[in-house]
Amino acid sequence: MQKKFNRNLFLKKSDGIRSSFYQKAIEYVSNHYFISPNDLKCKNIFRQYIEKLQSDGYIEKYYTGMYVSKFFEEEPAFASFIYTCKRIPKGVICLLSALEYHNLTTQIPYQIWVCTNYNFVEPKSSPFPLSIIKTSEEALKIGVIEKKIAGNIIRVFNPSKTIVDCFKFRNKIGINIAIEALKDGLAKKKCSLDEVNKYAKLSRVDKIMEPYIEMIINE
């Protein structure tokens, strides 16, 4: 039978033992830009160290339930995407935000576009405005890239899947943006026609995309 953790007993341990736990906490925050109390809990690092890490200047509060490491000299690229993926564990950066990540648009979206499952309950507040697209669990596994940035993982749809989604949700973002992304993706060789057609068929927009693909090929 597994023993129940006794927090009071832990607090009575010698300073040396507590110090080893604290050093483990410092090591973790030194390698991760965003840190949540649950991150430390998952690493068997006690939540009580959050306050000490703050007072010692290793972390500072970023937003409710989220901290940033002071070991990093500057904010990493796509910090808003990193934060969003941490707060929405099954979320995938999509549409205009994914285009921005892949450098396939001249637009600079003021919202973070993120795709998540139908059961997701939207947060009451966020440091960034969110535009949430809901889909099935299966769809969230198709065409996803995972990238580690400053110790944290972001999930984003690959260029081909992103371009196809832009046509699928053209009424939300505009058909001109979708066409521009398709042109850029092919020109910059970030996607191929075979890949685009594969995702277009899966998303059932292949007939919609067909005339635009022919137009671009014949230009």
C-alpha atoms as a PDB file:
ATOM      1  CA  MET A   1       0.000   0.000   0.000  1.00  0.00           C
ATOM      2  CA  GLN A   2       1.413   3.369  -1.060  1.00  0.00           C
ATOM      3  CA  LYS A   3       2.131   5.779   1.772  1.00  0.00           C
ATOM      4  CA  LYS A   4       0.253   9.052   1.791  1.00  0.00           C
ATOM      5  CA  PHE A   5       2.542  12.061   1.420  1.00  0.00           C
ATOM      6  CA  ASN A   6       2.951  13.906   4.731  1.00  0.00           C
ATOM      7  CA  ARG A   7       3.710  17.554   3.960  1.00  0.00           C
ATOM      8  CA  ASN A   8       4.374  18.416   7.610  1.00  0.00           C
ATOM      9  CA  LEU A   9       6.953  15.653   7.807  1.00  0.00           C
ATOM     10  CA  PHE A  10       8.631  17.006   4.685  1.00  0.00           C
ATOM     11  CA  LEU A  11       8.867  20.489   6.194  1.00  0.00           C
ATOM     12  CA  LYS A  12      10.717  19.012   9.192  1.00  0.00           C
ATOM     13  CA  LYS A  13      13.437  17.495   6.983  1.00  0.00           C
ATOM     14  CA  SER A  14      16.961  18.812   7.226  1.00  0.00           C
ATOM     15  CA  ASP A  15      17.929  21.950   5.335  1.00  0.00           C
ATOM     16  CA  GLY A  16      20.280  19.851   3.186  1.00  0.00           C
ATOM     17  CA  ILE A  17      17.489  17.633   1.910  1.00  0.00           C
ATOM     18  CA  ARG A  18      15.181  20.591   1.309  1.00  0.00           C
ATOM     19  CA  SER A  19      18.039  22.317  -0.488  1.00  0.00           C
ATOM     20  CA  SER A  20      18.371  19.433  -2.939  1.00  0.00           C
ATOM     21  CA  PHE A  21      14.673  19.746  -3.792  1.00  0.00           C
ATOM     22  CA  TYR A  22      15.095  23.508  -4.241  1.00  0.00           C
ATOM     23  CA  GLN A  23      18.117  23.034  -6.484  1.00  0.00           C
ATOM     24  CA  LYS A  24      15.990  20.731  -8.615  1.00  0.00           C
ATOM     25  CA  ALA A  25      13.377  23.479  -8.871  1.00  0.00           C
ATOM     26  CA  ILE A  26      16.026  26.045  -9.881  1.00  0.00           C
ATOM     27  CA  GLU A  27      17.398  23.694 -12.526  1.00  0.00           C
ATOM     28  CA  TYR A  28      13.914  23.224 -13.984  1.00  0.00           C
ATOM     29  CA  VAL A  29      13.091  26.938 -14.223  1.00  0.00           C
ATOM     30  CA  SER A  30      16.521  27.665 -15.715  1.00  0.00           C
ATOM     31  CA  ASN A  31      15.547  25.571 -18.757  1.00  0.00           C
ATOM     32  CA  HIS A  32      11.893  26.574 -19.213  1.00  0.00           C
ATOM     33  CA  TYR A  33      10.662  30.075 -20.016  1.00  0.00           C
ATOM     34  CA  PHE A  34       7.050  29.541 -18.929  1.00  0.00           C
ATOM     35  CA  ILE A  35       6.403  27.656 -15.705  1.00  0.00           C
ATOM     36  CA  SER A  36       3.133  26.719 -14.041  1.00  0.00           C
ATOM     37  CA  PRO A  37       2.749  25.292 -10.516  1.00  0.00           C
ATOM     38  CA  ASN A  38       1.510  22.087 -12.120  1.00  0.00           C
ATOM     39  CA  ASP A  39       4.789  21.786 -14.064  1.00  0.00           C
ATOM     40  CA  LEU A  40       6.699  21.613 -10.795  1.00  0.00           C
ATOM     41  CA  LYS A  41       4.183  19.193  -9.302  1.00  0.00           C
ATOM     42  CA  CYS A  42       4.625  16.847 -12.281  1.00  0.00           C
ATOM     43  CA  LYS A  43       8.365  16.885 -11.629  1.00  0.00           C
ATOM     44  CA  ASN A  44       7.803  16.050  -7.943  1.00  0.00           C
ATOM     45  CA  ILE A  45       8.878  19.575  -6.990  1.00  0.00           C
ATOM     46  CA  PHE A  46       6.678  20.974  -4.243  1.00  0.00           C
ATOM     47  CA  ARG A  47       4.470  23.976  -4.963  1.00  0.00           C
ATOM     48  CA  GLN A  48       5.738  25.735  -1.821  1.00  0.00           C
ATOM     49  CA  TYR A  49       8.901  26.570  -3.751  1.00  0.00           C
ATOM     50  CA  ILE A  50       7.014  28.920  -6.097  1.00  0.00           C
ATOM     51  CA  GLU A  51       7.063  31.693  -3.495  1.00  0.00           C
ATOM     52  CA  LYS A  52      10.757  31.144  -2.719  1.00  0.00           C
ATOM     53  CA  LEU A  53      11.668  31.071  -6.405  1.00  0.00           C
ATOM     54  CA  GLN A  54       9.892  34.422  -6.744  1.00  0.00           C
ATOM     55  CA  SER A  55      11.485  36.012  -3.690  1.00  0.00           C
ATOM     56  CA  ASP A  56      14.931  34.819  -4.793  1.00  0.00           C
ATOM     57  CA  GLY A  57      14.428  36.393  -8.212  1.00  0.00           C
ATOM     58  CA  TYR A  58      14.407  33.219 -10.297  1.00  0.00           C
ATOM     59  CA  ILE A  59      10.849  33.648 -11.609  1.00  0.00           C
ATOM     60  CA  GLU A  60       8.199  36.328 -11.798  1.00  0.00           C
ATOM     61  CA  LYS A  61       4.437  36.159 -12.225  1.00  0.00           C
ATOM     62  CA  TYR A  62       3.315  36.518 -15.829  1.00  0.00           C
ATOM     63  CA  TYR A  63      -0.432  35.939 -15.549  1.00  0.00           C
ATOM     64  CA  THR A  64      -2.823  33.968 -13.364  1.00  0.00           C
ATOM     65  CA  GLY A  65      -1.289  30.522 -12.807  1.00  0.00           C
ATOM     66  CA  MET A  66       1.767  31.205 -14.973  1.00  0.00           C
ATOM     67  CA  TYR A  67       5.301  32.396 -14.284  1.00  0.00           C
ATOM     68  CA  VAL A  68       8.313  33.248 -16.435  1.00  0.00           C
ATOM     69  CA  SER A  69      11.916  32.309 -15.798  1.00  0.00           C
ATOM     70  CA  LYS A  70      14.372  35.135 -15.193  1.00  0.00           C
ATOM     71  CA  PHE A  71      17.209  32.991 -16.548  1.00  0.00           C
ATOM     72  CA  PHE A  72      16.281  34.083 -20.080  1.00  0.00           C
ATOM     73  CA  GLU A  73      17.654  37.468 -21.126  1.00  0.00           C
ATOM     74  CA  GLU A  74      14.745  38.211 -23.431  1.00  0.00           C
ATOM     75  CA  GLU A  75      11.324  36.906 -24.332  1.00  0.00           C
ATOM     76  CA  PRO A  76      11.597  34.043 -26.849  1.00  0.00           C
ATOM     77  CA  ALA A  77      10.049  34.181 -30.299  1.00  0.00           C
ATOM     78  CA  PHE A  78       6.378  33.196 -30.408  1.00  0.00           C
ATOM     79  CA  ALA A  79       6.007  33.585 -26.637  1.00  0.00           C
ATOM     80  CA  SER A  80       2.266  34.144 -27.062  1.00  0.00           C
ATOM     81  CA  PHE A  81       2.006  30.798 -28.881  1.00  0.00           C
ATOM     82  CA  ILE A  82       3.995  29.037 -26.142  1.00  0.00           C
ATOM     83  CA  TYR A  83       1.740  30.480 -23.456  1.00  0.00           C
ATOM     84  CA  THR A  84      -1.416  29.535 -25.368  1.00  0.00           C
ATOM     85  CA  CYS A  85      -0.290  25.933 -25.854  1.00  0.00           C
ATOM     86  CA  LYS A  86       0.500  25.632 -22.147  1.00  0.00           C
ATOM     87  CA  ARG A  87      -2.891  26.969 -21.104  1.00  0.00           C
ATOM     88  CA  ILE A  88      -4.742  24.890 -23.717  1.00  0.00           C
ATOM     89  CA  PRO A  89      -2.980  21.498 -23.437  1.00  0.00           C
ATOM     90  CA  LYS A  90      -4.625  19.975 -26.525  1.00  0.00           C
ATOM     91  CA  GLY A  91      -4.613  23.223 -28.496  1.00  0.00           C
ATOM     92  CA  VAL A  92      -2.887  23.579 -31.879  1.00  0.00           C
ATOM     93  CA  ILE A  93      -1.897  26.946 -33.354  1.00  0.00           C
ATOM     94  CA  CYS A  94      -3.863  27.344 -36.586  1.00  0.00           C
ATOM     95  CA  LEU A  95      -5.040  29.604 -39.429  1.00  0.00           C
ATOM     96  CA  LEU A  96      -3.603  33.160 -39.338  1.00  0.00           C
ATOM     97  CA  SER A  97      -1.314  32.416 -36.381  1.00  0.00           C
ATOM     98  CA  ALA A  98       0.035  29.292 -38.083  1.00  0.00           C
ATOM     99  CA  LEU A  99       0.570  31.313 -41.280  1.00  0.00           C
ATOM    100  CA  GLU A 100       2.551  33.825 -39.232  1.00  0.00           C
ATOM    101  CA  TYR A 101       4.641  31.022 -37.719  1.00  0.00           C
ATOM    102  CA  HIS A 102       5.419  29.584 -41.169  1.00  0.00           C
ATOM    103  CA  ASN A 103       6.026  33.059 -42.681  1.00  0.00           C
ATOM    104  CA  LEU A 104       3.219  32.599 -45.188  1.00  0.00           C
ATOM    105  CA  THR A 105       1.332  35.860 -44.715  1.00  0.00           C
ATOM    106  CA  THR A 106       1.866  39.594 -44.645  1.00  0.00           C
ATOM    107  CA  GLN A 107      -0.911  39.862 -42.064  1.00  0.00           C
ATOM    108  CA  ILE A 108      -0.086  40.337 -38.379  1.00  0.00           C
ATOM    109  CA  PRO A 109      -3.060  38.891 -36.505  1.00  0.00           C
ATOM    110  CA  TYR A 110      -3.965  40.591 -33.240  1.00  0.00           C
ATOM    111  CA  GLN A 111      -5.603  37.360 -32.035  1.00  0.00           C
ATOM    112  CA  ILE A 112      -4.047  33.992 -31.329  1.00  0.00           C
ATOM    113  CA  TRP A 113      -5.833  31.471 -33.518  1.00  0.00           C
ATOM    114  CA  VAL A 114      -5.957  28.097 -31.804  1.00  0.00           C
ATOM    115  CA  CYS A 115      -7.768  24.861 -32.611  1.00  0.00           C
ATOM    116  CA  THR A 116      -9.004  22.633 -29.808  1.00  0.00           C
ATOM    117  CA  ASN A 117     -11.584  19.950 -29.082  1.00  0.00           C
ATOM    118  CA  TYR A 118     -15.334  20.430 -28.831  1.00  0.00           C
ATOM    119  CA  ASN A 119     -15.358  19.934 -25.055  1.00  0.00           C
ATOM    120  CA  PHE A 120     -12.900  22.717 -24.334  1.00  0.00           C
ATOM    121  CA  VAL A 121     -14.204  25.417 -21.996  1.00  0.00           C
ATOM    122  CA  GLU A 122     -12.852  28.808 -23.003  1.00  0.00           C
ATOM    123  CA  PRO A 123     -10.856  30.649 -20.316  1.00  0.00           C
ATOM    124  CA  LYS A 124     -12.559  33.599 -18.655  1.00  0.00           C
ATOM    125  CA  SER A 125      -9.490  35.732 -19.227  1.00  0.00           C
ATOM    126  CA  SER A 126      -6.229  35.596 -21.166  1.00  0.00           C
ATOM    127  CA  PRO A 127      -3.280  37.968 -21.673  1.00  0.00           C
ATOM    128  CA  PHE A 128      -3.875  37.547 -25.412  1.00  0.00           C
ATOM    129  CA  PRO A 129      -7.153  37.732 -27.352  1.00  0.00           C
ATOM    130  CA  LEU A 130      -8.031  34.249 -28.568  1.00  0.00           C
ATOM    131  CA  SER A 131      -9.938  33.092 -31.625  1.00  0.00           C
ATOM    132  CA  ILE A 132     -10.848  29.474 -30.963  1.00  0.00           C
ATOM    133  CA  ILE A 133     -11.743  26.897 -33.603  1.00  0.00           C
ATOM    134  CA  LYS A 134     -13.297  23.698 -32.268  1.00  0.00           C
ATOM    135  CA  THR A 135     -12.953  20.331 -33.926  1.00  0.00           C
ATOM    136  CA  SER A 136     -12.795  16.606 -33.170  1.00  0.00           C
ATOM    137  CA  GLU A 137     -10.021  14.875 -31.220  1.00  0.00           C
ATOM    138  CA  GLU A 138      -9.048  12.988 -34.399  1.00  0.00           C
ATOM    139  CA  ALA A 139      -8.662  16.190 -36.425  1.00  0.00           C
ATOM    140  CA  LEU A 140      -6.295  17.593 -33.784  1.00  0.00           C
ATOM    141  CA  LYS A 141      -3.821  14.800 -34.547  1.00  0.00           C
ATOM    142  CA  ILE A 142      -3.571  15.456 -38.302  1.00  0.00           C
ATOM    143  CA  GLY A 143      -0.683  17.500 -39.673  1.00  0.00           C
ATOM    144  CA  VAL A 144       0.606  18.689 -36.299  1.00  0.00           C
ATOM    145  CA  ILE A 145       4.194  19.815 -35.733  1.00  0.00           C
ATOM    146  CA  GLU A 146       5.641  19.985 -32.222  1.00  0.00           C
ATOM    147  CA  LYS A 147       8.458  22.462 -31.697  1.00  0.00           C
ATOM    148  CA  LYS A 148      10.449  23.108 -28.523  1.00  0.00           C
ATOM    149  CA  ILE A 149      11.145  26.788 -27.882  1.00  0.00           C
ATOM    150  CA  ALA A 150      12.852  27.959 -24.684  1.00  0.00           C
ATOM    151  CA  GLY A 151      12.145  24.596 -23.065  1.00  0.00           C
ATOM    152  CA  ASN A 152       8.418  24.708 -23.802  1.00  0.00           C
ATOM    153  CA  ILE A 153       6.493  22.891 -26.530  1.00  0.00           C
ATOM    154  CA  ILE A 154       4.256  24.579 -29.079  1.00  0.00           C
ATOM    155  CA  ARG A 155       1.947  22.663 -31.384  1.00  0.00           C
ATOM    156  CA  VAL A 156       1.172  24.095 -34.801  1.00  0.00           C
ATOM    157  CA  PHE A 157      -0.342  22.697 -37.967  1.00  0.00           C
ATOM    158  CA  ASN A 158       2.161  22.154 -40.782  1.00  0.00           C
ATOM    159  CA  PRO A 159       2.124  24.509 -43.805  1.00  0.00           C
ATOM    160  CA  SER A 160       0.011  22.270 -46.061  1.00  0.00           C
ATOM    161  CA  LYS A 161      -2.628  21.610 -43.406  1.00  0.00           C
ATOM    162  CA  THR A 162      -2.679  25.303 -42.484  1.00  0.00           C
ATOM    163  CA  ILE A 163      -3.239  26.389 -46.084  1.00  0.00           C
ATOM    164  CA  VAL A 164      -6.078  23.899 -46.535  1.00  0.00           C
ATOM    165  CA  ASP A 165      -7.670  25.076 -43.284  1.00  0.00           C
ATOM    166  CA  CYS A 166      -7.555  28.638 -44.587  1.00  0.00           C
ATOM    167  CA  PHE A 167      -9.756  27.570 -47.501  1.00  0.00           C
ATOM    168  CA  LYS A 168     -11.991  25.545 -45.189  1.00  0.00           C
ATOM    169  CA  PHE A 169     -12.500  28.554 -42.904  1.00  0.00           C
ATOM    170  CA  ARG A 170     -12.353  31.153 -45.691  1.00  0.00           C
ATOM    171  CA  ASN A 171     -15.503  32.815 -44.364  1.00  0.00           C
ATOM    172  CA  LYS A 172     -13.654  33.565 -41.118  1.00  0.00           C
ATOM    173  CA  ILE A 173     -10.349  34.840 -42.500  1.00  0.00           C
ATOM    174  CA  GLY A 174     -11.109  35.793 -46.119  1.00  0.00           C
ATOM    175  CA  ILE A 175     -10.465  33.970 -49.393  1.00  0.00           C
ATOM    176  CA  ASN A 176      -7.701  36.397 -50.440  1.00  0.00           C
ATOM    177  CA  ILE A 177      -5.577  35.409 -47.441  1.00  0.00           C
ATOM    178  CA  ALA A 178      -6.070  31.730 -48.304  1.00  0.00           C
ATOM    179  CA  ILE A 179      -5.001  32.316 -51.926  1.00  0.00           C
ATOM    180  CA  GLU A 180      -1.961  34.337 -50.848  1.00  0.00           C
ATOM    181  CA  ALA A 181      -0.930  31.543 -48.453  1.00  0.00           C
ATOM    182  CA  LEU A 182      -1.276  28.910 -51.181  1.00  0.00           C
ATOM    183  CA  LYS A 183       0.848  30.966 -53.579  1.00  0.00           C
ATOM    184  CA  ASP A 184       3.527  31.641 -50.976  1.00  0.00           C
ATOM    185  CA  GLY A 185       3.584  28.069 -49.738  1.00  0.00           C
ATOM    186  CA  LEU A 186       4.236  26.701 -53.220  1.00  0.00           C
ATOM    187  CA  ALA A 187       6.666  29.476 -54.198  1.00  0.00           C
ATOM    188  CA  LYS A 188       8.716  29.094 -51.010  1.00  0.00           C
ATOM    189  CA  LYS A 189       8.541  25.289 -51.298  1.00  0.00           C
ATOM    190  CA  LYS A 190       7.070  24.960 -47.838  1.00  0.00           C
ATOM    191  CA  CYS A 191       4.455  22.610 -49.229  1.00  0.00           C
ATOM    192  CA  SER A 192       3.849  20.510 -52.324  1.00  0.00           C
ATOM    193  CA  LEU A 193       0.742  20.047 -54.440  1.00  0.00           C
ATOM    194  CA  ASP A 194       0.582  16.411 -53.359  1.00  0.00           C
ATOM    195  CA  GLU A 195       0.547  17.398 -49.687  1.00  0.00           C
ATOM    196  CA  VAL A 196      -2.020  20.131 -50.240  1.00  0.00           C
ATOM    197  CA  ASN A 197      -4.284  17.793 -52.188  1.00  0.00           C
ATOM    198  CA  LYS A 198      -3.983  15.127 -49.480  1.00  0.00           C
ATOM    199  CA  TYR A 199      -5.176  17.462 -46.731  1.00  0.00           C
ATOM    200  CA  ALA A 200      -7.773  19.055 -49.019  1.00  0.00           C
ATOM    201  CA  LYS A 201      -9.403  15.659 -49.577  1.00  0.00           C
ATOM    202  CA  LEU A 202      -9.326  14.871 -45.866  1.00  0.00           C
ATOM    203  CA  SER A 203     -10.996  18.210 -45.142  1.00  0.00           C
ATOM    204  CA  ARG A 204     -13.399  17.845 -48.097  1.00  0.00           C
ATOM    205  CA  VAL A 205     -12.401  21.132 -49.689  1.00  0.00           C
ATOM    206  CA  ASP A 206     -10.551  19.659 -52.685  1.00  0.00           C
ATOM    207  CA  LYS A 207     -13.305  20.763 -55.104  1.00  0.00           C
ATOM    208  CA  ILE A 208     -13.290  24.261 -53.646  1.00  0.00           C
ATOM    209  CA  MET A 209      -9.490  24.553 -53.943  1.00  0.00           C
ATOM    210  CA  GLU A 210      -9.201  23.019 -57.411  1.00  0.00           C
ATOM    211  CA  PRO A 211      -9.823  26.197 -59.498  1.00  0.00           C
ATOM    212  CA  TYR A 212      -7.418  28.241 -57.334  1.00  0.00           C
ATOM    213  CA  ILE A 213      -4.691  25.614 -57.666  1.00  0.00           C
ATOM    214  CA  GLU A 214      -5.153  25.538 -61.453  1.00  0.00           C
ATOM    215  CA  MET A 215      -5.029  29.342 -61.597  1.00  0.00           C
ATOM    216  CA  ILE A 216      -1.734  29.441 -59.659  1.00  0.00           C
ATOM    217  CA  ILE A 217      -0.168  26.653 -61.748  1.00  0.00           C
ATOM    218  CA  ASN A 218      -1.092  28.442 -64.993  1.00  0.00           C
ATOM    219  CA  GLU A 219       0.184  31.877 -63.937  1.00  0.00           C
END
